[in-house]
């Protein structure tokens, strides 16, 4: 199982989209605690959206589609 997730930081006024094969709670914990990438800039990331898939290919396809369209526009269309 793969999950596409969207995080939001109020401090940065930014969104982050990614996908994972681990539990979303565990992935969020890693973003908040021991991550050195984009999400390390703030420690207030909150989960705002998830969607699960059976295949990695489907998850990657949605993640790229969201990034191309824009996270805020994607969320507004739901």
C-alpha atoms as a PDB file:
ATOM      1  CA  UNK A   1       0.000   0.000   0.000  1.00  0.00           C
ATOM      2  CA  UNK A   2       1.248   3.475  -0.920  1.00  0.00           C
ATOM      3  CA  UNK A   3      -0.155   6.748   0.339  1.00  0.00           C
ATOM      4  CA  UNK A   4       0.062  10.214  -1.183  1.00  0.00           C
ATOM      5  CA  UNK A   5      -0.033  12.851   1.534  1.00  0.00           C
ATOM      6  CA  UNK A   6      -0.112  16.622   1.784  1.00  0.00           C
ATOM      7  CA  UNK A   7       1.338  18.507   4.737  1.00  0.00           C
ATOM      8  CA  UNK A   8       0.856  22.143   5.639  1.00  0.00           C
ATOM      9  CA  UNK A   9       3.059  24.457   7.707  1.00  0.00           C
ATOM     10  CA  UNK A  10       1.312  27.511   9.151  1.00  0.00           C
ATOM     11  CA  UNK A  11       4.695  29.045  10.064  1.00  0.00           C
ATOM     12  CA  UNK A  12       5.950  28.900   6.472  1.00  0.00           C
ATOM     13  CA  UNK A  13       2.526  29.219   4.815  1.00  0.00           C
ATOM     14  CA  UNK A  14       3.602  26.334   2.576  1.00  0.00           C
ATOM     15  CA  UNK A  15       2.404  22.902   1.536  1.00  0.00           C
ATOM     16  CA  UNK A  16       4.413  19.742   0.914  1.00  0.00           C
ATOM     17  CA  UNK A  17       3.293  16.705  -1.098  1.00  0.00           C
ATOM     18  CA  UNK A  18       4.901  13.286  -1.028  1.00  0.00           C
ATOM     19  CA  UNK A  19       4.174   9.577  -1.065  1.00  0.00           C
ATOM     20  CA  UNK A  20       5.159   6.775   1.260  1.00  0.00           C
ATOM     21  CA  UNK A  21       4.891   3.035   1.736  1.00  0.00           C
ATOM     22  CA  UNK A  22       5.118   3.363   5.539  1.00  0.00           C
ATOM     23  CA  UNK A  23       2.308   4.588   7.756  1.00  0.00           C
ATOM     24  CA  UNK A  24       1.501   8.257   7.278  1.00  0.00           C
ATOM     25  CA  UNK A  25       1.892   8.849  11.021  1.00  0.00           C
ATOM     26  CA  UNK A  26       5.429   7.426  10.958  1.00  0.00           C
ATOM     27  CA  UNK A  27       6.317   9.476   7.879  1.00  0.00           C
ATOM     28  CA  UNK A  28       4.991  12.671   9.465  1.00  0.00           C
ATOM     29  CA  UNK A  29       7.040  11.926  12.577  1.00  0.00           C
ATOM     30  CA  UNK A  30      10.172  11.650  10.439  1.00  0.00           C
ATOM     31  CA  UNK A  31       9.402  14.984   8.758  1.00  0.00           C
ATOM     32  CA  UNK A  32       9.015  16.590  12.172  1.00  0.00           C
ATOM     33  CA  UNK A  33      12.019  15.033  13.888  1.00  0.00           C
ATOM     34  CA  UNK A  34      14.917  13.821  11.777  1.00  0.00           C
ATOM     35  CA  UNK A  35      14.422  15.130   8.276  1.00  0.00           C
ATOM     36  CA  UNK A  36      17.020  17.308   6.545  1.00  0.00           C
ATOM     37  CA  UNK A  37      15.104  18.281   3.404  1.00  0.00           C
ATOM     38  CA  UNK A  38      12.533  20.982   2.665  1.00  0.00           C
ATOM     39  CA  UNK A  39      10.342  20.059   5.629  1.00  0.00           C
ATOM     40  CA  UNK A  40      13.187  20.601   8.105  1.00  0.00           C
ATOM     41  CA  UNK A  41      12.574  24.363   7.792  1.00  0.00           C
ATOM     42  CA  UNK A  42       9.581  24.143  10.175  1.00  0.00           C
ATOM     43  CA  UNK A  43       8.381  21.823  12.915  1.00  0.00           C
ATOM     44  CA  UNK A  44       4.643  22.500  12.688  1.00  0.00           C
ATOM     45  CA  UNK A  45       3.767  20.320   9.685  1.00  0.00           C
ATOM     46  CA  UNK A  46       0.232  18.971   9.875  1.00  0.00           C
ATOM     47  CA  UNK A  47      -1.427  16.360   7.707  1.00  0.00           C
ATOM     48  CA  UNK A  48      -4.204  17.849   5.559  1.00  0.00           C
ATOM     49  CA  UNK A  49      -4.841  15.148   2.914  1.00  0.00           C
ATOM     50  CA  UNK A  50      -4.185  11.472   2.186  1.00  0.00           C
ATOM     51  CA  UNK A  51      -5.099   9.067  -0.576  1.00  0.00           C
ATOM     52  CA  UNK A  52      -4.050   5.403  -0.684  1.00  0.00           C
ATOM     53  CA  UNK A  53      -3.134   3.264  -3.680  1.00  0.00           C
ATOM     54  CA  UNK A  54      -2.236  -0.370  -4.246  1.00  0.00           C
ATOM     55  CA  UNK A  55       0.638   0.452  -6.575  1.00  0.00           C
ATOM     56  CA  UNK A  56       3.649   2.729  -6.327  1.00  0.00           C
ATOM     57  CA  UNK A  57       3.112   3.817  -9.941  1.00  0.00           C
ATOM     58  CA  UNK A  58      -0.369   5.185  -9.152  1.00  0.00           C
ATOM     59  CA  UNK A  59       0.918   7.055  -6.094  1.00  0.00           C
ATOM     60  CA  UNK A  60       3.779   8.647  -8.028  1.00  0.00           C
ATOM     61  CA  UNK A  61       1.406   9.609 -10.834  1.00  0.00           C
ATOM     62  CA  UNK A  62      -0.896  11.470  -8.414  1.00  0.00           C
ATOM     63  CA  UNK A  63       2.025  13.111  -6.583  1.00  0.00           C
ATOM     64  CA  UNK A  64       3.442  14.466  -9.847  1.00  0.00           C
ATOM     65  CA  UNK A  65       0.002  15.585 -11.003  1.00  0.00           C
ATOM     66  CA  UNK A  66      -0.523  17.525  -7.759  1.00  0.00           C
ATOM     67  CA  UNK A  67       2.909  19.147  -8.040  1.00  0.00           C
ATOM     68  CA  UNK A  68       2.258  20.129 -11.657  1.00  0.00           C
ATOM     69  CA  UNK A  69      -1.195  21.549 -10.931  1.00  0.00           C
ATOM     70  CA  UNK A  70      -0.268  23.197  -7.646  1.00  0.00           C
ATOM     71  CA  UNK A  71      -1.097  21.851  -4.211  1.00  0.00           C
ATOM     72  CA  UNK A  72      -3.505  24.652  -3.252  1.00  0.00           C
ATOM     73  CA  UNK A  73      -5.406  24.338  -6.556  1.00  0.00           C
ATOM     74  CA  UNK A  74      -5.621  20.570  -6.107  1.00  0.00           C
ATOM     75  CA  UNK A  75      -7.013  20.953  -2.581  1.00  0.00           C
ATOM     76  CA  UNK A  76      -9.470  23.631  -3.717  1.00  0.00           C
ATOM     77  CA  UNK A  77     -10.823  21.272  -6.386  1.00  0.00           C
ATOM     78  CA  UNK A  78     -11.730  18.551  -3.865  1.00  0.00           C
END
